[in-house]
Amino acid sequence: MANLFDSLQSSSYKRENRGEKKVLEIDNNCELNLLVAVEQISEVFEDSQLSEDAYEAAVRPINYLSERLYFTPQQAVVYSVMMSMFDNSKITLRHISEFLDISSVASLRLLTDIEFLCSKRHFRYVMSDGNKVFRVVSDSVEAMRKNEVLQPKSYAGLDSFALFCEMRKIFRKHISDELSYADMIYDLSSLLKENDNLHFVQRYKDLTKGIPEAGRLFLLLCCNLLVNDNDRKVYVNHLDEFFRNFSTYNSLRKSLNSGNNELIKNGLIRPSSSEGQVLKDTFELTPKAIKDLLAELNIAPDDMKNRSVLKYQDIQTKEMFYNPKEKTSIDKLIALLEPSNFNNVVTRLDQKGFRKGFTCLLYGGPGTGKTETVLQLARLTGRDLIQVNVTEIKDMYVGETERNIKRIFEDYRELVRESKVAPILFFNEADSIIGKRLETVHSVDKMENSMQNIILEEMEKLEGIMIATTNLTQNMDSAFERRFLFKIEFAKPSLQAKCSIWKSLIPELSEEEALSLSTRYDFSGGQIENVARKRVVDQIIMGEPLTMDAIYGYCDNESLGSGTAAGKAKMGFRYQ
């Protein structure tokens, strides 16, 4: 059988002798099969210039192939020529033109037949260095060798798991260049079409109506990675070789990163995040998409996986001591957040056309118990706590901070919908996001203003519970002040409250000693706790007994000064 290497080696000879038509005689008495027919045709047509004499000489094997494989005579010739090059993984039109001894322009007339043969799965094409190259499908070679007609693979009758197994095989064949992009799309379409009874296929078709091919394929990739590899993240910057067409890939990437892609708009895909920050060029299925598309596979959405979710059962019980005014406000808030009361209030507000979300601001100096109060509120009312560290959501890239903020609220909404008891969205130390919006034109200021505007908008449409804490209120933007339904000030504890805190943290103290410490040091609850912790540490390490002198020493150290009277401490250095 003539092969590629023979044709290449003799190419110079053929160019020099162009015009001489070489037609071989073949044995017309031998028994034909597919392999013999291909061999005879390729031998006759090598250097033949596709002459009429060649067609006449090979009429018997051509008719045989045409009848067996439903080819036209020219398709039978092209099929035989390309099958003779089965050991070449990158067959080009130049190779075919040199084999046949025709001009490059003349070879273009064969493209229609080559594309037809590709559609019948005999050959596949891939893009190599911007050019279309062809390869013989191994299944087609095997069928020819066995004298069998190539039967297209059937995907019918699969269950959901088997469907994704086949999908994985198709993707891997494309990645390894066994399948061209077009062949991959064809196989995926066949896979879905032949299993349109499955829930996934039905929902996929419904949800992707009107979405361009690249978007539909990207959604399949996301589903495939999650089902087969338990990988929720898809790195779009790794997909340029997958799509092969740079224009298609670049358009998809830009639309995803800008948020304008239909998959994002329809709530099927979202940017991935890690430790509170949105990851660039990285996307994942939304919980909505997972529930809708993959319900049969029992794959649970991994909601808020990158947020700090604190279960209320894991919050340690801690006795809190408040000033009378604070205690009244906190008791009312606890009563409101009790699930049955909360649900009734939400229902009544909805009936009257009011907003259903509850927002609360706890403000006051450091160490006054704001953060701990939120924790205890969650524990007492049986609500999980979604903690947001404001400093972690800010990003240097333009637009990323805004996306971080949006993602937080999107995740929270999804979690509220899925929870029997709405969790608390907790913005701790929110000083930087509730300050007055700036009027400067610097990009950083614009980012801050944009972030604040998004939060204000989200607070307007909040369904659930949002609590924020801050040490500063003098610079609070009036728009935020209006949107917080409850505002509770935390002052330093009263004398009575300080005595109770001292006694609760150091039970060995007498009433007189607790009163002395409360009078002598104007400490917050947090500062008193620091003193108690230092005492425990020294007891463990040094074995020192409890003495008032030691406690006074801890207090002086805590105040960062030698003065004992309230207000005489100097921040930064102790007096010598």
Protein backbone atom coordinates (compact mmCIF):
# COMPACT_ATOMS: atom_id res chain seq x y z
CA MET A 1 0.00 0.00 0.00
CA ALA A 2 1.32 3.43 -0.85
CA ASN A 3 1.89 5.60 2.18
CA LEU A 4 2.64 9.15 3.07
CA PHE A 5 6.36 8.74 3.32
CA ASP A 6 6.61 7.25 -0.18
CA SER A 7 4.60 10.13 -1.57
CA LEU A 8 6.72 12.74 0.20
CA GLN A 9 9.96 11.15 -0.92
CA SER A 10 8.84 11.18 -4.55
CA SER A 11 7.21 14.60 -4.49
CA SER A 12 10.04 16.28 -6.39
CA TYR A 13 9.83 13.59 -9.06
CA LYS A 14 6.12 14.15 -9.43
CA ARG A 15 6.46 17.88 -9.77
CA GLU A 16 9.10 17.44 -12.47
CA ASN A 17 6.94 14.99 -14.39
CA ARG A 18 3.59 16.74 -13.98
CA GLY A 19 1.50 16.14 -17.04
CA GLU A 20 2.45 12.49 -17.35
CA LYS A 21 -0.54 10.44 -16.26
CA LYS A 22 0.47 7.19 -14.63
CA VAL A 23 -2.37 4.66 -14.51
CA LEU A 24 -1.76 1.24 -13.00
CA GLU A 25 -3.63 -1.86 -13.98
CA ILE A 26 -5.24 -3.75 -11.13
CA ASP A 27 -6.47 -7.31 -10.72
CA ASN A 28 -10.18 -7.20 -11.41
CA ASN A 29 -10.60 -10.88 -10.65
CA CYS A 30 -9.56 -10.79 -6.98
CA GLU A 31 -12.19 -10.97 -4.28
CA LEU A 32 -12.96 -7.52 -2.96
CA ASN A 33 -13.34 -6.35 0.61
CA LEU A 34 -12.98 -2.89 2.10
CA LEU A 35 -9.25 -3.18 2.68
CA VAL A 36 -8.52 -4.52 -0.81
CA ALA A 37 -10.73 -1.89 -2.44
CA VAL A 38 -8.95 0.93 -0.56
CA GLU A 39 -5.56 -0.49 -1.51
CA GLN A 40 -6.46 -0.79 -5.21
CA ILE A 41 -7.95 2.68 -5.42
CA SER A 42 -5.00 4.34 -3.65
CA GLU A 43 -2.52 2.54 -5.93
CA VAL A 44 -4.35 3.62 -9.09
CA PHE A 45 -4.81 7.23 -8.04
CA GLU A 46 -1.30 7.92 -6.79
CA ASP A 47 0.16 10.49 -9.22
CA SER A 48 -3.00 10.13 -11.36
CA GLN A 49 -4.03 13.79 -11.34
CA LEU A 50 -7.59 12.47 -10.81
CA SER A 51 -7.75 11.58 -14.50
CA GLU A 52 -10.69 9.89 -16.17
CA ASP A 53 -8.39 6.98 -16.99
CA ALA A 54 -7.83 6.43 -13.27
CA TYR A 55 -11.57 6.37 -12.58
CA GLU A 56 -12.03 3.86 -15.39
CA ALA A 57 -9.17 1.69 -14.15
CA ALA A 58 -10.54 1.61 -10.59
CA VAL A 59 -14.24 1.47 -11.45
CA ARG A 60 -14.72 -1.93 -9.78
CA PRO A 61 -13.30 -1.07 -6.29
CA ILE A 62 -14.87 2.41 -6.49
CA ASN A 63 -18.31 0.89 -7.11
CA TYR A 64 -17.68 -1.58 -4.30
CA LEU A 65 -16.93 1.20 -1.78
CA SER A 66 -19.78 3.32 -3.05
CA GLU A 67 -22.30 0.51 -2.50
CA ARG A 68 -20.91 -0.62 0.88
CA LEU A 69 -20.38 2.83 2.39
CA TYR A 70 -22.87 4.96 0.42
CA PHE A 71 -20.16 7.12 -1.18
CA THR A 72 -20.01 9.01 -4.43
CA PRO A 73 -17.14 7.91 -6.71
CA GLN A 74 -15.06 10.95 -5.71
CA GLN A 75 -15.77 10.36 -2.01
CA ALA A 76 -14.60 6.77 -2.46
CA VAL A 77 -11.32 8.04 -3.94
CA VAL A 78 -10.75 10.66 -1.24
CA TYR A 79 -11.58 8.08 1.45
CA SER A 80 -9.07 5.61 0.01
CA VAL A 81 -6.30 8.20 -0.37
CA MET A 82 -6.69 9.42 3.20
CA MET A 83 -6.98 5.89 4.60
CA SER A 84 -3.64 5.13 2.95
CA MET A 85 -2.19 7.83 5.21
CA PHE A 86 -3.67 6.41 8.43
CA ASP A 87 -0.28 6.54 10.15
CA ASN A 88 -0.10 10.33 9.83
CA SER A 89 -1.79 12.31 12.60
CA LYS A 90 -1.73 15.57 10.65
CA ILE A 91 -2.90 15.03 7.08
CA THR A 92 -3.07 18.30 5.13
CA LEU A 93 -4.43 19.25 1.73
CA ARG A 94 -0.82 19.55 0.61
CA HIS A 95 -0.23 15.89 1.42
CA ILE A 96 -3.32 14.92 -0.58
CA SER A 97 -2.40 17.15 -3.54
CA GLU A 98 1.14 15.72 -3.65
CA PHE A 99 -0.19 12.17 -3.47
CA LEU A 100 -2.59 12.78 -6.35
CA ASP A 101 -0.17 15.08 -8.18
CA ILE A 102 -2.67 17.93 -8.43
CA SER A 103 -2.28 21.62 -7.69
CA SER A 104 -3.06 23.08 -4.28
CA VAL A 105 -5.96 24.99 -5.82
CA ALA A 106 -7.37 21.80 -7.32
CA SER A 107 -7.22 20.10 -3.92
CA LEU A 108 -9.63 22.69 -2.55
CA ARG A 109 -12.36 21.02 -4.64
CA LEU A 110 -11.98 17.96 -2.42
CA LEU A 111 -12.75 19.79 0.83
CA THR A 112 -16.50 19.21 0.57
CA ASP A 113 -15.95 15.46 0.30
CA ILE A 114 -13.43 15.49 3.15
CA GLU A 115 -15.89 17.34 5.39
CA PHE A 116 -18.59 14.81 4.48
CA LEU A 117 -16.28 11.95 5.45
CA CYS A 118 -15.52 13.74 8.73
CA SER A 119 -19.24 14.03 9.44
CA LYS A 120 -19.50 10.25 8.99
CA ARG A 121 -16.76 9.85 11.64
CA HIS A 122 -14.19 8.32 9.31
CA PHE A 123 -11.85 11.26 9.84
CA ARG A 124 -11.48 14.10 12.29
CA TYR A 125 -10.01 17.50 11.88
CA VAL A 126 -8.16 19.74 14.33
CA MET A 127 -6.60 23.18 14.09
CA SER A 128 -2.82 23.16 14.11
CA ASP A 129 -0.93 26.45 13.89
CA GLY A 130 -4.04 28.08 12.47
CA ASN A 131 -4.50 25.44 9.76
CA LYS A 132 -7.02 22.61 9.49
CA VAL A 133 -5.37 19.17 9.59
CA PHE A 134 -6.98 15.75 9.43
CA ARG A 135 -6.44 12.37 11.00
CA VAL A 136 -7.94 8.97 10.43
CA VAL A 137 -10.22 7.74 13.20
CA SER A 138 -8.88 4.52 14.68
CA ASP A 139 -12.38 3.02 14.80
CA SER A 140 -12.68 3.58 11.05
CA VAL A 141 -9.36 1.79 10.39
CA GLU A 142 -10.44 -1.11 12.57
CA ALA A 143 -13.79 -1.39 10.79
CA MET A 144 -12.05 -1.39 7.38
CA ARG A 145 -9.61 -4.06 8.54
CA LYS A 146 -12.50 -6.26 9.70
CA ASN A 147 -14.47 -5.53 6.52
CA GLU A 148 -17.23 -3.96 8.54
CA VAL A 149 -19.22 -0.80 7.99
CA LEU A 150 -18.36 1.77 10.64
CA GLN A 151 -21.24 2.09 13.08
CA PRO A 152 -21.60 5.40 14.91
CA LYS A 153 -21.39 5.01 18.67
CA SER A 154 -24.78 4.87 20.38
CA TYR A 155 -25.28 6.69 23.68
CA ALA A 156 -28.88 5.69 24.17
CA GLY A 157 -30.25 4.28 27.42
CA LEU A 158 -27.80 5.85 29.89
CA ASP A 159 -28.55 6.89 33.45
CA SER A 160 -27.29 10.21 34.82
CA PHE A 161 -24.02 8.83 36.16
CA ALA A 162 -23.25 6.97 32.92
CA LEU A 163 -24.05 10.10 30.91
CA PHE A 164 -21.42 12.08 32.79
CA CYS A 165 -18.92 9.24 32.40
CA GLU A 166 -19.35 9.45 28.64
CA MET A 167 -19.17 13.23 28.79
CA ARG A 168 -15.84 12.98 30.57
CA LYS A 169 -14.48 10.64 27.87
CA ILE A 170 -15.51 13.08 25.15
CA PHE A 171 -13.84 16.03 26.87
CA ARG A 172 -10.65 14.04 27.45
CA LYS A 173 -10.51 12.94 23.81
CA HIS A 174 -10.75 16.55 22.75
CA ILE A 175 -8.04 17.64 25.18
CA SER A 176 -5.73 14.88 23.89
CA ASP A 177 -6.46 15.89 20.27
CA GLU A 178 -8.33 12.68 19.51
CA LEU A 179 -11.43 14.76 18.83
CA SER A 180 -11.61 18.04 17.00
CA TYR A 181 -13.70 20.82 18.49
CA ALA A 182 -16.41 20.17 15.91
CA ASP A 183 -16.36 16.43 16.62
CA MET A 184 -16.60 17.09 20.34
CA ILE A 185 -19.66 19.29 19.84
CA TYR A 186 -21.18 16.62 17.60
CA ASP A 187 -20.57 13.85 20.16
CA LEU A 188 -21.88 15.95 23.04
CA SER A 189 -25.00 16.82 21.05
CA SER A 190 -25.56 13.13 20.26
CA LEU A 191 -25.02 12.21 23.91
CA LEU A 192 -27.65 14.67 25.10
CA LYS A 193 -30.10 14.01 22.27
CA GLU A 194 -30.08 10.26 22.83
CA ASN A 195 -30.75 10.71 26.55
CA ASP A 196 -33.26 13.52 26.55
CA ASN A 197 -35.39 11.60 29.04
CA LEU A 198 -32.94 12.42 31.85
CA HIS A 199 -33.67 15.27 34.24
CA PHE A 200 -30.28 16.86 33.65
CA VAL A 201 -30.69 16.93 29.87
CA GLN A 202 -34.20 18.39 30.07
CA ARG A 203 -33.22 21.12 32.53
CA TYR A 204 -29.99 21.87 30.66
CA LYS A 205 -31.90 22.44 27.43
CA ASP A 206 -34.50 24.62 29.17
CA LEU A 207 -31.93 26.74 31.01
CA THR A 208 -29.62 27.33 28.05
CA LYS A 209 -32.16 28.38 25.43
CA GLY A 210 -30.81 31.39 23.58
CA ILE A 211 -27.30 31.04 25.08
CA PRO A 212 -24.44 30.86 22.55
CA GLU A 213 -22.59 27.59 21.99
CA ALA A 214 -19.50 28.64 23.96
CA GLY A 215 -21.66 29.42 27.01
CA ARG A 216 -23.56 26.13 26.79
CA LEU A 217 -20.26 24.25 26.52
CA PHE A 218 -18.82 26.12 29.51
CA LEU A 219 -21.83 25.11 31.60
CA LEU A 220 -21.30 21.47 30.61
CA LEU A 221 -17.64 21.76 31.61
CA CYS A 222 -18.61 23.07 35.04
CA CYS A 223 -21.11 20.23 35.54
CA ASN A 224 -18.64 17.63 34.33
CA LEU A 225 -15.88 18.78 36.71
CA LEU A 226 -18.24 18.83 39.69
CA VAL A 227 -19.80 15.42 39.02
CA ASN A 228 -16.69 13.52 37.91
CA ASP A 229 -13.89 15.23 39.82
CA ASN A 230 -15.71 16.94 42.70
CA ASP A 231 -14.06 20.12 41.52
CA ARG A 232 -16.27 23.16 41.90
CA LYS A 233 -13.92 25.68 40.30
CA VAL A 234 -13.31 26.15 36.57
CA TYR A 235 -10.33 28.26 35.59
CA VAL A 236 -11.39 30.02 32.41
CA ASN A 237 -7.83 31.21 31.68
CA HIS A 238 -6.88 27.56 31.16
CA LEU A 239 -9.44 27.03 28.43
CA ASP A 240 -7.82 28.77 25.46
CA GLU A 241 -6.51 25.46 24.11
CA PHE A 242 -9.82 23.81 24.82
CA PHE A 243 -11.83 26.17 22.64
CA ARG A 244 -9.02 26.40 20.06
CA ASN A 245 -10.65 29.45 18.47
CA PHE A 246 -9.11 32.43 20.27
CA SER A 247 -11.90 34.80 19.32
CA THR A 248 -14.52 32.48 20.82
CA TYR A 249 -12.45 31.92 23.95
CA ASN A 250 -11.63 35.59 24.45
CA SER A 251 -15.24 36.64 24.02
CA LEU A 252 -16.36 34.07 26.60
CA ARG A 253 -13.68 35.10 29.09
CA LYS A 254 -14.47 38.81 28.77
CA SER A 255 -18.20 38.29 29.20
CA LEU A 256 -17.67 36.11 32.29
CA ASN A 257 -15.26 38.52 33.96
CA SER A 258 -17.47 41.51 33.23
CA GLY A 259 -20.54 39.75 34.57
CA ASN A 260 -22.39 40.25 31.28
CA ASN A 261 -22.46 36.57 30.35
CA GLU A 262 -25.96 35.09 30.15
CA LEU A 263 -24.95 32.23 32.44
CA ILE A 264 -24.23 34.74 35.20
CA LYS A 265 -27.32 36.83 34.49
CA ASN A 266 -29.48 33.69 34.65
CA GLY A 267 -27.98 32.65 37.99
CA LEU A 268 -26.25 29.51 36.69
CA ILE A 269 -22.59 30.52 37.04
CA ARG A 270 -20.87 32.81 39.50
CA PRO A 271 -17.30 33.86 40.27
CA SER A 272 -15.55 31.60 42.76
CA SER A 273 -14.23 33.03 46.00
CA SER A 274 -11.67 32.10 48.60
CA GLU A 275 -11.41 33.52 52.11
CA GLY A 276 -13.95 36.18 51.32
CA GLN A 277 -12.38 37.36 48.06
CA VAL A 278 -13.57 36.77 44.53
CA LEU A 279 -11.03 34.87 42.43
CA LYS A 280 -10.14 36.33 39.07
CA ASP A 281 -10.89 34.16 36.01
CA THR A 282 -12.39 31.45 38.22
CA PHE A 283 -16.04 30.41 38.14
CA GLU A 284 -18.38 27.80 39.56
CA LEU A 285 -21.95 26.60 39.43
CA THR A 286 -24.37 28.50 41.64
CA PRO A 287 -26.27 26.59 44.33
CA LYS A 288 -29.37 27.22 42.22
CA ALA A 289 -27.78 25.53 39.19
CA ILE A 290 -26.56 22.58 41.25
CA LYS A 291 -29.99 22.00 42.73
CA ASP A 292 -31.76 22.44 39.40
CA LEU A 293 -29.42 20.53 37.10
CA LEU A 294 -27.90 17.86 39.32
CA ALA A 295 -30.79 16.93 41.60
CA GLU A 296 -30.72 13.30 40.40
CA LEU A 297 -27.09 12.96 41.42
CA ASN A 298 -27.62 14.14 45.01
CA ILE A 299 -24.84 16.73 44.80
CA ALA A 300 -25.38 19.26 47.55
CA PRO A 301 -24.63 22.95 46.98
CA ASP A 302 -21.59 24.06 48.94
CA ASP A 303 -23.14 27.31 50.10
CA MET A 304 -21.04 29.92 51.81
CA LYS A 305 -18.12 27.52 51.78
CA ASN A 306 -15.71 30.36 51.64
CA ARG A 307 -17.39 32.39 54.32
CA SER A 308 -16.93 32.00 58.03
CA VAL A 309 -20.13 30.21 59.05
CA LEU A 310 -20.41 29.75 62.79
CA LYS A 311 -23.03 27.27 63.96
CA TYR A 312 -25.01 28.55 66.91
CA GLN A 313 -24.44 25.24 68.75
CA ASP A 314 -20.69 25.92 68.69
CA ILE A 315 -20.91 29.31 70.37
CA GLN A 316 -19.71 29.13 73.96
CA THR A 317 -22.11 30.40 76.60
CA LYS A 318 -20.95 33.60 78.22
CA GLU A 319 -22.70 35.71 80.82
CA MET A 320 -23.05 39.30 79.69
CA PHE A 321 -23.42 42.38 81.93
CA TYR A 322 -25.01 45.52 80.54
CA ASN A 323 -25.94 48.96 81.70
CA PRO A 324 -29.71 49.25 82.26
CA LYS A 325 -30.41 51.06 78.97
CA GLU A 326 -28.35 48.56 76.98
CA LYS A 327 -29.99 45.60 78.71
CA THR A 328 -33.45 46.81 77.80
CA SER A 329 -32.50 47.16 74.12
CA ILE A 330 -30.72 43.79 73.99
CA ASP A 331 -33.65 41.99 75.66
CA LYS A 332 -36.01 43.45 73.04
CA LEU A 333 -33.69 42.36 70.25
CA ILE A 334 -33.47 38.81 71.65
CA ALA A 335 -37.28 38.66 71.84
CA LEU A 336 -37.58 39.87 68.24
CA LEU A 337 -35.05 37.35 66.90
CA GLU A 338 -36.74 34.42 68.62
CA PRO A 339 -37.84 32.42 65.53
CA SER A 340 -41.60 32.32 66.14
CA ASN A 341 -41.77 36.02 67.01
CA PHE A 342 -39.53 36.90 64.08
CA ASN A 343 -41.65 34.98 61.56
CA ASN A 344 -44.86 36.60 62.81
CA VAL A 345 -43.35 40.07 62.59
CA VAL A 346 -42.01 39.44 59.07
CA THR A 347 -45.43 38.22 57.93
CA ARG A 348 -47.19 41.29 59.35
CA LEU A 349 -44.66 43.67 57.81
CA ASP A 350 -45.05 42.00 54.43
CA GLN A 351 -48.83 42.32 54.64
CA LYS A 352 -48.51 46.03 55.30
CA GLY A 353 -46.06 46.54 52.44
CA PHE A 354 -43.01 47.22 54.61
CA ARG A 355 -39.49 45.88 54.08
CA LYS A 356 -39.00 42.48 55.68
CA GLY A 357 -35.30 42.66 56.47
CA PHE A 358 -33.94 43.58 59.90
CA THR A 359 -30.79 45.63 60.29
CA CYS A 360 -29.09 46.50 63.54
CA LEU A 361 -26.05 48.60 64.43
CA LEU A 362 -24.13 48.09 67.67
CA TYR A 363 -21.80 51.01 68.29
CA GLY A 364 -19.45 52.09 71.06
CA GLY A 365 -15.86 52.00 72.21
CA PRO A 366 -13.56 48.98 71.98
CA GLY A 367 -14.07 46.23 74.53
CA THR A 368 -17.63 47.18 75.41
CA GLY A 369 -19.06 43.80 74.39
CA LYS A 370 -20.46 44.47 70.91
CA THR A 371 -18.99 41.44 69.17
CA GLU A 372 -19.70 39.09 72.06
CA THR A 373 -23.29 40.34 72.20
CA VAL A 374 -23.82 39.35 68.56
CA LEU A 375 -22.44 35.89 69.31
CA GLN A 376 -24.77 35.43 72.26
CA LEU A 377 -27.73 36.74 70.26
CA ALA A 378 -27.06 34.03 67.69
CA ARG A 379 -26.74 31.33 70.34
CA LEU A 380 -29.84 32.34 72.28
CA THR A 381 -32.04 32.59 69.17
CA GLY A 382 -30.70 29.45 67.42
CA ARG A 383 -29.29 31.27 64.41
CA ASP A 384 -26.08 30.49 62.58
CA LEU A 385 -23.72 33.42 62.15
CA ILE A 386 -22.14 34.46 58.83
CA GLN A 387 -19.11 36.52 59.78
CA VAL A 388 -17.77 39.06 57.27
CA ASN A 389 -14.39 40.63 57.78
CA VAL A 390 -14.60 43.94 55.92
CA THR A 391 -10.84 44.22 55.39
CA GLU A 392 -10.78 40.87 53.56
CA ILE A 393 -13.34 41.78 50.93
CA LYS A 394 -11.45 44.81 49.63
CA ASP A 395 -9.40 44.09 46.53
CA MET A 396 -6.81 46.10 44.66
CA TYR A 397 -8.34 45.31 41.27
CA VAL A 398 -10.97 47.65 39.94
CA GLY A 399 -14.39 46.09 40.22
CA GLU A 400 -13.33 43.12 42.35
CA THR A 401 -14.33 44.68 45.68
CA GLU A 402 -17.79 45.43 44.35
CA ARG A 403 -18.11 41.85 43.16
CA ASN A 404 -16.96 40.61 46.57
CA ILE A 405 -19.73 42.58 48.25
CA LYS A 406 -22.39 41.40 45.79
CA ARG A 407 -21.24 37.81 46.24
CA ILE A 408 -21.60 38.04 50.02
CA PHE A 409 -25.23 39.12 49.76
CA GLU A 410 -25.98 36.63 46.98
CA ASP A 411 -24.63 33.82 49.12
CA TYR A 412 -26.56 35.04 52.13
CA ARG A 413 -29.85 35.20 50.20
CA GLU A 414 -29.33 31.65 49.01
CA LEU A 415 -28.63 30.48 52.54
CA VAL A 416 -31.72 32.26 53.90
CA ARG A 417 -33.89 30.51 51.33
CA GLU A 418 -32.52 27.13 52.31
CA SER A 419 -32.55 27.58 56.10
CA LYS A 420 -35.50 26.95 58.39
CA VAL A 421 -34.18 29.70 60.66
CA ALA A 422 -32.62 32.69 58.93
CA PRO A 423 -28.96 33.12 59.87
CA ILE A 424 -27.40 36.43 60.91
CA LEU A 425 -25.15 38.28 58.45
CA PHE A 426 -22.54 39.88 60.68
CA PHE A 427 -20.29 42.75 59.54
CA ASN A 428 -17.76 43.11 62.34
CA GLU A 429 -15.79 46.34 62.65
CA ALA A 430 -17.70 47.96 59.82
CA ASP A 431 -16.20 51.43 60.36
CA SER A 432 -14.80 51.65 56.82
CA ILE A 433 -18.06 50.84 55.04
CA ILE A 434 -20.53 53.09 56.87
CA GLY A 435 -18.49 56.31 56.81
CA LYS A 436 -19.54 59.35 54.81
CA ARG A 437 -19.20 58.91 51.06
CA LEU A 438 -16.38 60.90 49.51
CA GLU A 439 -16.67 63.56 46.82
CA THR A 440 -13.16 63.22 45.39
CA VAL A 441 -12.40 61.77 41.99
CA HIS A 442 -9.60 59.38 42.98
CA SER A 443 -10.11 55.76 41.91
CA VAL A 444 -9.82 54.50 45.49
CA ASP A 445 -12.51 56.93 46.64
CA LYS A 446 -14.74 55.89 43.75
CA MET A 447 -14.29 52.25 44.76
CA GLU A 448 -15.24 53.04 48.36
CA ASN A 449 -18.32 54.95 47.23
CA SER A 450 -19.32 52.19 44.85
CA MET A 451 -18.95 49.58 47.59
CA GLN A 452 -21.07 51.67 49.97
CA ASN A 453 -23.76 52.17 47.34
CA ILE A 454 -23.98 48.42 46.77
CA ILE A 455 -24.33 47.76 50.51
CA LEU A 456 -27.02 50.43 50.84
CA GLU A 457 -28.91 48.90 47.95
CA GLU A 458 -28.60 45.41 49.43
CA MET A 459 -29.82 46.64 52.82
CA GLU A 460 -32.94 48.01 51.12
CA LYS A 461 -33.89 44.62 49.69
CA LEU A 462 -32.55 42.49 52.56
CA GLU A 463 -34.58 39.48 53.61
CA GLY A 464 -33.06 38.22 56.80
CA ILE A 465 -30.97 39.76 59.57
CA MET A 466 -27.91 41.96 59.24
CA ILE A 467 -25.95 43.21 62.25
CA ALA A 468 -22.93 45.52 62.08
CA THR A 469 -20.58 46.77 64.77
CA THR A 470 -18.49 49.91 64.77
CA ASN A 471 -16.32 51.93 67.14
CA LEU A 472 -17.00 55.18 65.33
CA THR A 473 -20.34 56.87 64.64
CA GLN A 474 -19.34 60.52 64.32
CA ASN A 475 -18.52 60.04 60.65
CA MET A 476 -21.41 57.71 59.77
CA ASP A 477 -23.12 58.43 56.47
CA SER A 478 -26.70 59.53 57.02
CA ALA A 479 -27.89 57.00 54.43
CA PHE A 480 -26.58 54.17 56.59
CA GLU A 481 -28.03 55.69 59.72
CA ARG A 482 -31.50 55.61 58.11
CA ARG A 483 -31.16 52.01 56.97
CA PHE A 484 -30.32 50.58 60.39
CA LEU A 485 -33.65 49.84 62.01
CA PHE A 486 -32.11 49.29 65.44
CA LYS A 487 -29.17 51.28 66.80
CA ILE A 488 -27.82 50.29 70.20
CA GLU A 489 -25.05 52.24 71.89
CA PHE A 490 -22.55 50.38 74.08
CA ALA A 491 -21.04 52.62 76.73
CA LYS A 492 -18.40 51.62 79.21
CA PRO A 493 -20.00 49.60 81.97
CA SER A 494 -21.46 51.35 84.97
CA LEU A 495 -19.91 50.89 88.39
CA GLN A 496 -22.41 48.17 89.21
CA ALA A 497 -21.85 46.41 85.87
CA LYS A 498 -18.06 46.56 86.30
CA CYS A 499 -18.37 44.97 89.75
CA SER A 500 -20.45 42.15 88.28
CA ILE A 501 -17.90 41.60 85.48
CA TRP A 502 -14.99 41.49 87.95
CA LYS A 503 -16.84 38.96 90.13
CA SER A 504 -17.85 36.78 87.16
CA LEU A 505 -14.31 36.59 85.73
CA ILE A 506 -12.46 36.35 89.08
CA PRO A 507 -14.96 34.68 91.51
CA GLU A 508 -12.43 34.73 94.39
CA LEU A 509 -12.76 38.51 94.69
CA SER A 510 -14.82 39.85 97.57
CA GLU A 511 -17.49 42.48 97.02
CA GLU A 512 -15.17 45.11 98.51
CA GLU A 513 -12.27 44.11 96.25
CA ALA A 514 -14.46 44.12 93.14
CA LEU A 515 -15.79 47.57 94.09
CA SER A 516 -12.23 48.83 94.68
CA LEU A 517 -11.08 47.65 91.25
CA SER A 518 -14.19 49.07 89.59
CA THR A 519 -13.65 52.45 91.21
CA ARG A 520 -9.91 52.62 90.65
CA TYR A 521 -9.89 51.55 86.98
CA ASP A 522 -12.29 52.80 84.35
CA PHE A 523 -12.02 49.61 82.32
CA SER A 524 -14.25 48.20 79.63
CA GLY A 525 -15.44 44.61 79.86
CA GLY A 526 -12.75 43.57 77.39
CA GLN A 527 -10.01 45.12 79.50
CA ILE A 528 -11.29 43.38 82.63
CA GLU A 529 -11.26 40.09 80.74
CA ASN A 530 -7.62 40.70 79.71
CA VAL A 531 -6.66 41.14 83.38
CA ALA A 532 -8.43 37.90 84.33
CA ARG A 533 -6.66 36.01 81.52
CA LYS A 534 -3.25 37.32 82.57
CA ARG A 535 -3.91 36.08 86.12
CA VAL A 536 -4.77 32.59 84.84
CA VAL A 537 -1.63 32.50 82.70
CA ASP A 538 0.62 33.43 85.63
CA GLN A 539 -1.08 30.89 87.85
CA ILE A 540 -0.38 28.14 85.32
CA ILE A 541 3.20 29.12 84.52
CA MET A 542 4.43 30.62 87.80
CA GLY A 543 2.05 29.00 90.28
CA GLU A 544 1.50 32.40 91.86
CA PRO A 545 -1.37 32.71 94.37
CA LEU A 546 -4.05 35.35 94.02
CA THR A 547 -3.12 38.65 95.60
CA MET A 548 -4.60 42.10 95.13
CA ASP A 549 -1.13 43.52 94.53
CA ALA A 550 -0.75 41.16 91.57
CA ILE A 551 -4.15 42.16 90.20
CA TYR A 552 -3.31 45.86 90.58
CA GLY A 553 -0.10 45.16 88.64
CA TYR A 554 -2.07 43.52 85.85
CA CYS A 555 -4.40 46.52 85.80
CA ASP A 556 -1.55 49.04 85.62
CA ASN A 557 -0.08 47.06 82.74
CA GLU A 558 -3.42 46.96 80.98
CA SER A 559 -3.77 50.74 81.25
CA LEU A 560 -0.25 51.23 79.84
CA GLY A 561 0.65 53.70 82.60
CA SER A 562 1.67 53.95 86.23
CA GLY A 563 -1.23 56.10 87.26
CA THR A 564 -4.01 54.23 88.99
CA ALA A 565 -6.78 56.73 88.81
CA ALA A 566 -9.19 56.52 85.95
CA GLY A 567 -8.15 58.60 82.98
CA LYS A 568 -4.49 59.01 84.01
CA ALA A 569 -3.14 56.23 81.87
CA LYS A 570 -0.96 57.30 78.96
CA MET A 571 -1.23 55.24 75.77
CA GLY A 572 1.96 54.03 74.16
CA PHE A 573 4.54 53.92 76.97
CA ARG A 574 4.51 53.30 80.70
CA TYR A 575 5.90 56.04 82.97
CA GLN A 576 9.32 55.20 84.40
